PDB file of N, CA and C in Angstrom:
ATOM      1  N   MET A   1      88.546 120.776  95.298  1.00  0.00           N
ATOM      2  CA  MET A   1      88.035 119.470  95.760  1.00  0.00           C
ATOM      3  C   MET A   1      88.632 118.334  94.446  1.00  0.00           C
ATOM      4  N   SER A   2      88.684 116.721  95.128  1.00  0.00           N
ATOM      5  CA  SER A   2      89.399 116.078  94.142  1.00  0.00           C
ATOM      6  C   SER A   2      88.500 115.667  93.172  1.00  0.00           C
ATOM      7  N   GLU A   3      89.312 114.943  92.088  1.00  0.00           N
ATOM      8  CA  GLU A   3      88.377 114.422  90.809  1.00  0.00           C
ATOM      9  C   GLU A   3      87.401 113.165  91.467  1.00  0.00           C
ATOM     10  N   GLU A   4      87.870 112.728  92.362  1.00  0.00           N
ATOM     11  CA  GLU A   4      86.848 111.622  92.879  1.00  0.00           C
ATOM     12  C   GLU A   4      85.612 112.194  93.740  1.00  0.00           C
ATOM     13  N   LYS A   5      86.091 112.779  94.145  1.00  0.00           N
ATOM     14  CA  LYS A   5      84.798 113.393  94.840  1.00  0.00           C
ATOM     15  C   LYS A   5      83.865 114.201  93.841  1.00  0.00           C
ATOM     16  N   ASN A   6      84.110 115.051  92.775  1.00  0.00           N
ATOM     17  CA  ASN A   6      83.620 115.342  91.879  1.00  0.00           C
ATOM     18  C   ASN A   6      82.677 114.407  91.158  1.00  0.00           C
ATOM     19  N   LYS A   7      83.069 113.330  90.980  1.00  0.00           N
ATOM     20  CA  LYS A   7      82.350 112.067  90.453  1.00  0.00           C
ATOM     21  C   LYS A   7      81.223 111.932  91.218  1.00  0.00           C
ATOM     22  N   LYS A   8      81.093 112.407  92.391  1.00  0.00           N
ATOM     23  CA  LYS A   8      79.799 111.876  93.501  1.00  0.00           C
ATOM     24  C   LYS A   8      78.832 112.844  93.591  1.00  0.00           C
ATOM     25  N   TRP A   9      79.208 114.072  92.464  1.00  0.00           N
ATOM     26  CA  TRP A   9      77.952 114.944  92.298  1.00  0.00           C
ATOM     27  C   TRP A   9      77.016 114.348  91.361  1.00  0.00           C
ATOM     28  N   HIS A  10      75.640 114.652  91.693  1.00  0.00           N
ATOM     29  CA  HIS A  10      74.313 114.431  90.890  1.00  0.00           C
ATOM     30  C   HIS A  10      73.744 115.893  90.443  1.00  0.00           C
ATOM     31  N   TYR A  11      73.524 116.097  89.271  1.00  0.00           N
ATOM     32  CA  TYR A  11      73.446 117.378  88.531  1.00  0.00           C
ATOM     33  C   TYR A  11      71.583 117.215  88.594  1.00  0.00           C
ATOM     34  N   THR A  12      70.834 118.123  89.001  1.00  0.00           N
ATOM     35  CA  THR A  12      69.549 118.083  89.067  1.00  0.00           C
ATOM     36  C   THR A  12      69.196 118.773  87.460  1.00  0.00           C
ATOM     37  N   LYS A  13      69.621 119.255  86.908  1.00  0.00           N
ATOM     38  CA  LYS A  13      69.600 119.526  85.225  1.00  0.00           C
ATOM     39  C   LYS A  13      69.635 118.157  84.131  1.00  0.00           C
ATOM     40  N   ASP A  14      70.189 117.202  84.733  1.00  0.00           N
ATOM     41  CA  ASP A  14      70.349 115.581  84.180  1.00  0.00           C
ATOM     42  C   ASP A  14      68.949 115.109  84.794  1.00  0.00           C
ATOM     43  N   ASN A  15      68.023 115.534  85.840  1.00  0.00           N
ATOM     44  CA  ASN A  15      66.737 114.750  86.331  1.00  0.00           C
ATOM     45  C   ASN A  15      67.459 114.051  87.140  1.00  0.00           C
ATOM     46  N   ASP A  16      68.381 114.370  87.747  1.00  0.00           N
ATOM     47  CA  ASP A  16      68.827 112.846  88.716  1.00  0.00           C
ATOM     48  C   ASP A  16      68.790 113.139  89.864  1.00  0.00           C
ATOM     49  N   TYR A  17      67.737 112.766  90.743  1.00  0.00           N
ATOM     50  CA  TYR A  17      67.481 113.072  92.454  1.00  0.00           C
ATOM     51  C   TYR A  17      68.081 111.646  92.869  1.00  0.00           C
ATOM     52  N   PRO A  18      67.851 111.876  94.411  1.00  0.00           N
ATOM     53  CA  PRO A  18      68.330 110.587  95.285  1.00  0.00           C
ATOM     54  C   PRO A  18      67.235 109.630  95.287  1.00  0.00           C
ATOM     55  N   VAL A  19      67.851 108.146  95.459  1.00  0.00           N
ATOM     56  CA  VAL A  19      67.042 106.879  95.258  1.00  0.00           C
ATOM     57  C   VAL A  19      67.453 106.261  96.879  1.00  0.00           C
ATOM     58  N   ALA A  20      66.234 105.829  97.284  1.00  0.00           N
ATOM     59  CA  ALA A  20      66.295 105.434  98.604  1.00  0.00           C
ATOM     60  C   ALA A  20      66.866 103.796  98.297  1.00  0.00           C
ATOM     61  N   PHE A  21      67.866 103.760  98.782  1.00  0.00           N
ATOM     62  CA  PHE A  21      68.657 102.426  99.181  1.00  0.00           C
ATOM     63  C   PHE A  21      69.207 101.891 100.078  1.00  0.00           C
ATOM     64  N   GLY A  22      69.906 100.735 100.195  1.00  0.00           N
ATOM     65  CA  GLY A  22      70.361 100.685 101.881  1.00  0.00           C
ATOM     66  C   GLY A  22      69.786 100.596 103.059  1.00  0.00           C
ATOM     67  N   ARG A  23      70.149 101.197 104.131  1.00  0.00           N
ATOM     68  CA  ARG A  23      69.240 101.561 105.213  1.00  0.00           C
ATOM     69  C   ARG A  23      68.344 102.480 104.760  1.00  0.00           C
ATOM     70  N   TYR A  24      67.757 103.108 103.868  1.00  0.00           N
ATOM     71  CA  TYR A  24      66.597 103.834 103.538  1.00  0.00           C
ATOM     72  C   TYR A  24      65.458 103.013 102.786  1.00  0.00           C
ATOM     73  N   GLU A  25      66.258 102.168 102.217  1.00  0.00           N
ATOM     74  CA  GLU A  25      65.165 101.481 101.462  1.00  0.00           C
ATOM     75  C   GLU A  25      63.789 100.946 101.684  1.00  0.00           C
ATOM     76  N   ASN A  26      63.700 100.513 102.803  1.00  0.00           N
ATOM     77  CA  ASN A  26      62.345  99.873 103.560  1.00  0.00           C
ATOM     78  C   ASN A  26      61.744 100.685 104.645  1.00  0.00           C
ATOM     79  N   HIS A  27      61.963 102.076 104.426  1.00  0.00           N
ATOM     80  CA  HIS A  27      61.325 103.047 105.308  1.00  0.00           C
ATOM     81  C   HIS A  27      60.293 102.927 104.637  1.00  0.00           C
ATOM     82  N   ALA A  28      59.168 103.610 105.337  1.00  0.00           N
ATOM     83  CA  ALA A  28      57.687 103.793 104.539  1.00  0.00           C
ATOM     84  C   ALA A  28      57.770 105.223 104.138  1.00  0.00           C
ATOM     85  N   TYR A  29      58.418 105.993 104.549  1.00  0.00           N
ATOM     86  CA  TYR A  29      58.622 107.552 104.227  1.00  0.00           C
ATOM     87  C   TYR A  29      60.179 108.031 104.374  1.00  0.00           C
ATOM     88  N   PRO A  30      60.846 107.681 103.187  1.00  0.00           N
ATOM     89  CA  PRO A  30      62.570 107.737 103.573  1.00  0.00           C
ATOM     90  C   PRO A  30      62.648 109.330 103.101  1.00  0.00           C
ATOM     91  N   GLN A  31      63.370 109.718 103.753  1.00  0.00           N
ATOM     92  CA  GLN A  31      64.417 110.733 103.620  1.00  0.00           C
ATOM     93  C   GLN A  31      65.772 110.680 103.687  1.00  0.00           C
ATOM     94  N   ILE A  32      66.465 111.232 102.545  1.00  0.00           N
ATOM     95  CA  ILE A  32      67.955 110.775 102.566  1.00  0.00           C
ATOM     96  C   ILE A  32      68.546 112.048 102.575  1.00  0.00           C
ATOM     97  N   PRO A  33      69.600 112.036 103.640  1.00  0.00           N
ATOM     98  CA  PRO A  33      70.563 112.841 103.826  1.00  0.00           C
ATOM     99  C   PRO A  33      71.358 113.131 102.508  1.00  0.00           C
ATOM    100  N   CYS A  34      71.776 114.503 102.093  1.00  0.00           N
ATOM    101  CA  CYS A  34      72.377 115.066 101.121  1.00  0.00           C
ATOM    102  C   CYS A  34      73.037 116.115 101.354  1.00  0.00           C
ATOM    103  N   LEU A  35      74.300 116.667 100.744  1.00  0.00           N
ATOM    104  CA  LEU A  35      74.775 117.766 100.805  1.00  0.00           C
ATOM    105  C   LEU A  35      74.391 118.352  99.462  1.00  0.00           C
ATOM    106  N   VAL A  36      74.212 119.533  99.605  1.00  0.00           N
ATOM    107  CA  VAL A  36      73.635 120.172  98.490  1.00  0.00           C
ATOM    108  C   VAL A  36      74.191 121.344  98.143  1.00  0.00           C
ATOM    109  N   GLU A  37      73.903 121.961  96.702  1.00  0.00           N
ATOM    110  CA  GLU A  37      74.054 123.172  96.817  1.00  0.00           C
ATOM    111  C   GLU A  37      72.968 123.828  96.011  1.00  0.00           C
ATOM    112  N   LEU A  38      72.331 125.149  96.499  1.00  0.00           N
ATOM    113  CA  LEU A  38      71.002 125.228  96.706  1.00  0.00           C
ATOM    114  C   LEU A  38      71.332 126.519  95.088  1.00  0.00           C
ATOM    115  N   ARG A  39      70.298 126.828  94.349  1.00  0.00           N
ATOM    116  CA  ARG A  39      70.124 127.504  93.454  1.00  0.00           C
ATOM    117  C   ARG A  39      70.201 128.919  93.938  1.00  0.00           C
ATOM    118  N   THR A  40      71.308 129.621  94.255  1.00  0.00           N
ATOM    119  CA  THR A  40      70.850 130.690  94.680  1.00  0.00           C
ATOM    120  C   THR A  40      72.265 131.631  94.170  1.00  0.00           C
ATOM    121  N   PRO A  41      72.133 133.261  94.259  1.00  0.00           N
ATOM    122  CA  PRO A  41      73.135 133.813  93.692  1.00  0.00           C
ATOM    123  C   PRO A  41      74.482 133.533  94.253  1.00  0.00           C
ATOM    124  N   CYS A  42      74.854 133.229  95.375  1.00  0.00           N
ATOM    125  CA  CYS A  42      76.073 132.799  95.879  1.00  0.00           C
ATOM    126  C   CYS A  42      76.226 131.128  96.007  1.00  0.00           C
ATOM    127  N   GLY A  43      75.410 130.216  95.427  1.00  0.00           N
ATOM    128  CA  GLY A  43      75.614 129.131  95.291  1.00  0.00           C
ATOM    129  C   GLY A  43      75.806 128.595  96.868  1.00  0.00           C
ATOM    130  N   TRP A  44      74.822 128.593  98.044  1.00  0.00           N
ATOM    131  CA  TRP A  44      74.960 128.015  99.123  1.00  0.00           C
ATOM    132  C   TRP A  44      75.042 126.535  99.253  1.00  0.00           C
ATOM    133  N   TYR A  45      76.062 126.001 100.024  1.00  0.00           N
ATOM    134  CA  TYR A  45      75.892 124.588 100.432  1.00  0.00           C
ATOM    135  C   TYR A  45      75.019 124.381 101.556  1.00  0.00           C
ATOM    136  N   GLY A  46      74.521 123.190 101.757  1.00  0.00           N
ATOM    137  CA  GLY A  46      74.421 122.767 103.099  1.00  0.00           C
ATOM    138  C   GLY A  46      73.721 121.498 103.152  1.00  0.00           C
ATOM    139  N   VAL A  47      73.475 120.872 104.059  1.00  0.00           N
ATOM    140  CA  VAL A  47      72.736 119.661 104.213  1.00  0.00           C
ATOM    141  C   VAL A  47      71.132 119.625 104.313  1.00  0.00           C
ATOM    142  N   ARG A  48      70.766 118.762 103.271  1.00  0.00           N
ATOM    143  CA  ARG A  48      69.295 119.012 103.451  1.00  0.00           C
ATOM    144  C   ARG A  48      68.878 117.364 103.250  1.00  0.00           C
ATOM    145  N   PHE A  49      67.379 117.150 103.212  1.00  0.00           N
ATOM    146  CA  PHE A  49      67.013 116.001 103.445  1.00  0.00           C
ATOM    147  C   PHE A  49      66.068 115.333 101.749  1.00  0.00           C
ATOM    148  N   TRP A  50      66.520 114.735 101.299  1.00  0.00           N
ATOM    149  CA  TRP A  50      65.534 114.381 100.042  1.00  0.00           C
ATOM    150  C   TRP A  50      64.360 113.753 100.403  1.00  0.00           C
ATOM    151  N   ASN A  51      63.370 114.065 100.333  1.00  0.00           N
ATOM    152  CA  ASN A  51      61.940 113.403 100.543  1.00  0.00           C
ATOM    153  C   ASN A  51      61.484 112.720  99.372  1.00  0.00           C
ATOM    154  N   ALA A  52      61.986 111.555  99.420  1.00  0.00           N
ATOM    155  CA  ALA A  52      61.644 110.538  98.524  1.00  0.00           C
ATOM    156  C   ALA A  52      60.077 110.002  98.185  1.00  0.00           C
ATOM    157  N   THR A  53      59.205 110.348  99.327  1.00  0.00           N
ATOM    158  CA  THR A  53      57.708 110.067  98.786  1.00  0.00           C
ATOM    159  C   THR A  53      57.009 111.401  98.060  1.00  0.00           C
ATOM    160  N   GLN A  54      57.503 112.688  99.017  1.00  0.00           N
ATOM    161  CA  GLN A  54      56.847 113.912  98.331  1.00  0.00           C
ATOM    162  C   GLN A  54      57.612 114.598  97.111  1.00  0.00           C
ATOM    163  N   LYS A  55      59.032 114.138  96.844  1.00  0.00           N
ATOM    164  CA  LYS A  55      59.758 114.164  95.566  1.00  0.00           C
ATOM    165  C   LYS A  55      60.127 115.965  95.840  1.00  0.00           C
ATOM    166  N   CYS A  56      60.734 116.520  96.887  1.00  0.00           N
ATOM    167  CA  CYS A  56      60.966 117.545  97.139  1.00  0.00           C
ATOM    168  C   CYS A  56      62.555 117.410  98.546  1.00  0.00           C
ATOM    169  N   TRP A  57      62.789 118.515  98.645  1.00  0.00           N
ATOM    170  CA  TRP A  57      63.959 118.806  99.889  1.00  0.00           C
ATOM    171  C   TRP A  57      63.261 119.111 101.005  1.00  0.00           C
ATOM    172  N   ASP A  58      63.459 118.572 101.984  1.00  0.00           N
ATOM    173  CA  ASP A  58      63.171 118.883 103.399  1.00  0.00           C
ATOM    174  C   ASP A  58      64.146 119.539 104.533  1.00  0.00           C
ATOM    175  N   ASP A  59      64.204 120.311 105.062  1.00  0.00           N
ATOM    176  CA  ASP A  59      64.873 121.220 105.831  1.00  0.00           C
ATOM    177  C   ASP A  59      66.164 120.018 106.762  1.00  0.00           C
ATOM    178  N   GLU A  60      66.977 120.681 107.362  1.00  0.00           N
ATOM    179  CA  GLU A  60      68.140 119.826 107.742  1.00  0.00           C
ATOM    180  C   GLU A  60      67.778 119.344 109.075  1.00  0.00           C
ATOM    181  N   GLU A  61      66.311 119.397 109.769  1.00  0.00           N
ATOM    182  CA  GLU A  61      65.873 118.754 110.649  1.00  0.00           C
ATOM    183  C   GLU A  61      64.757 117.741 110.288  1.00  0.00           C
ATOM    184  N   CYS A  62      64.659 117.778 108.966  1.00  0.00           N
ATOM    185  CA  CYS A  62      64.265 116.387 107.987  1.00  0.00           C
ATOM    186  C   CYS A  62      62.766 116.270 108.551  1.00  0.00           C
ATOM    187  N   ASP A  63      61.888 117.539 109.104  1.00  0.00           N
ATOM    188  CA  ASP A  63      60.522 117.742 109.343  1.00  0.00           C
ATOM    189  C   ASP A  63      59.782 118.656 108.691  1.00  0.00           C
ATOM    190  N   ASP A  64      60.349 119.436 107.495  1.00  0.00           N
ATOM    191  CA  ASP A  64      59.656 120.511 107.312  1.00  0.00           C
ATOM    192  C   ASP A  64      59.708 120.571 105.846  1.00  0.00           C
ATOM    193  N   TYR A  65      59.274 121.037 104.525  1.00  0.00           N
ATOM    194  CA  TYR A  65      59.534 121.308 103.651  1.00  0.00           C
ATOM    195  C   TYR A  65      60.334 122.602 103.456  1.00  0.00           C
ATOM    196  N   TYR A  66      61.394 122.440 102.546  1.00  0.00           N
ATOM    197  CA  TYR A  66      62.495 123.532 102.396  1.00  0.00           C
ATOM    198  C   TYR A  66      62.485 123.709 101.103  1.00  0.00           C
ATOM    199  N   CYS A  67      62.544 123.235  99.940  1.00  0.00           N
ATOM    200  CA  CYS A  67      62.025 123.771  98.634  1.00  0.00           C
ATOM    201  C   CYS A  67      62.052 122.521  97.423  1.00  0.00           C
ATOM    202  N   ASP A  68      61.383 122.978  96.347  1.00  0.00           N
ATOM    203  CA  ASP A  68      61.151 121.917  95.498  1.00  0.00           C
ATOM    204  C   ASP A  68      62.413 121.593  95.039  1.00  0.00           C
ATOM    205  N   LYS A  69      62.147 120.334  93.890  1.00  0.00           N
ATOM    206  CA  LYS A  69      63.472 119.562  93.590  1.00  0.00           C
ATOM    207  C   LYS A  69      64.306 120.293  92.769  1.00  0.00           C
ATOM    208  N   GLU A  70      63.524 121.466  92.025  1.00  0.00           N
ATOM    209  CA  GLU A  70      64.664 122.476  91.006  1.00  0.00           C
ATOM    210  C   GLU A  70      65.491 123.718  91.859  1.00  0.00           C
ATOM    211  N   GLY A  71      64.863 123.613  93.141  1.00  0.00           N
ATOM    212  CA  GLY A  71      65.850 124.433  93.948  1.00  0.00           C
ATOM    213  C   GLY A  71      67.067 123.973  94.222  1.00  0.00           C
ATOM    214  N   VAL A  72      67.523 122.982  93.852  1.00  0.00           N
ATOM    215  CA  VAL A  72      68.770 122.665  94.197  1.00  0.00           C
ATOM    216  C   VAL A  72      69.754 122.091  92.776  1.00  0.00           C
ATOM    217  N   VAL A  73      71.001 122.835  92.775  1.00  0.00           N
ATOM    218  CA  VAL A  73      71.607 122.767  91.549  1.00  0.00           C
ATOM    219  C   VAL A  73      72.409 121.490  91.452  1.00  0.00           C
ATOM    220  N   ARG A  74      72.821 120.591  92.649  1.00  0.00           N
ATOM    221  CA  ARG A  74      73.485 119.444  92.256  1.00  0.00           C
ATOM    222  C   ARG A  74      73.699 118.948  93.866  1.00  0.00           C
ATOM    223  N   TRP A  75      73.657 117.823  93.793  1.00  0.00           N
ATOM    224  CA  TRP A  75      73.875 117.038  95.397  1.00  0.00           C
ATOM    225  C   TRP A  75      74.614 115.967  95.375  1.00  0.00           C
ATOM    226  N   MET A  76      74.898 115.285  96.481  1.00  0.00           N
ATOM    227  CA  MET A  76      75.652 114.333  96.826  1.00  0.00           C
ATOM    228  C   MET A  76      75.309 113.700  98.143  1.00  0.00           C
ATOM    229  N   TYR A  77      75.062 112.130  98.085  1.00  0.00           N
ATOM    230  CA  TYR A  77      74.799 111.261  99.283  1.00  0.00           C
ATOM    231  C   TYR A  77      75.844 111.960 100.290  1.00  0.00           C
ATOM    232  N   ILE A  78      75.418 112.153 101.552  1.00  0.00           N
ATOM    233  CA  ILE A  78      76.126 112.131 102.693  1.00  0.00           C
ATOM    234  C   ILE A  78      77.088 111.124 103.274  1.00  0.00           C
ATOM    235  N   ASP A  79      76.322 109.734 102.824  1.00  0.00           N
ATOM    236  CA  ASP A  79      77.203 108.459 102.824  1.00  0.00           C
ATOM    237  C   ASP A  79      78.256 108.441 101.805  1.00  0.00           C
ATOM    238  N   ASP A  80      78.157 109.112 100.899  1.00  0.00           N
ATOM    239  CA  ASP A  80      79.528 109.086  99.816  1.00  0.00           C
ATOM    240  C   ASP A  80      80.438 110.159 100.173  1.00  0.00           C
ATOM    241  N   LEU A  81      79.987 111.086 100.596  1.00  0.00           N
ATOM    242  CA  LEU A  81      80.659 111.993 101.263  1.00  0.00           C
ATOM    243  C   LEU A  81      81.578 111.669 102.803  1.00  0.00           C
ATOM    244  N   THR A  82      81.082 110.887 103.291  1.00  0.00           N
ATOM    245  CA  THR A  82      81.695 110.320 104.498  1.00  0.00           C
ATOM    246  C   THR A  82      82.353 109.001 104.451  1.00  0.00           C
ATOM    247  N   GLU A  83      82.401 108.078 103.191  1.00  0.00           N
ATOM    248  CA  GLU A  83      82.667 107.114 103.253  1.00  0.00           C
ATOM    249  C   GLU A  83      84.301 107.224 103.381  1.00  0.00           C
ATOM    250  N   ASN A  84      85.092 106.085 104.065  1.00  0.00           N
ATOM    251  CA  ASN A  84      86.462 106.078 104.130  1.00  0.00           C
ATOM    252  C   ASN A  84      87.003 105.547 102.740  1.00  0.00           C
ATOM    253  N   ASP A  85      87.679 106.596 102.246  1.00  0.00           N
ATOM    254  CA  ASP A  85      88.475 105.932 100.861  1.00  0.00           C
ATOM    255  C   ASP A  85      89.730 105.223 101.075  1.00  0.00           C
TER     256      ASP A  85
END
């Protein structure tokens, strides 16, 4: 992974979690799509949604609780991952 992409990762050990901004800012119940590394022995990566109201991670369908905020090691906004450099 390039150095620039590494700068886009946010670490939960630093108490750093997604913030609703841009198109998510005015939602009554914002859920922000992120690429995450889960806290598992193999470091699984996938897409999960940060539930800004409940302060937890929701599943890939954005409708069910997946894990507590501590269940993720690091995360990146999907918008940062898909932006044109």
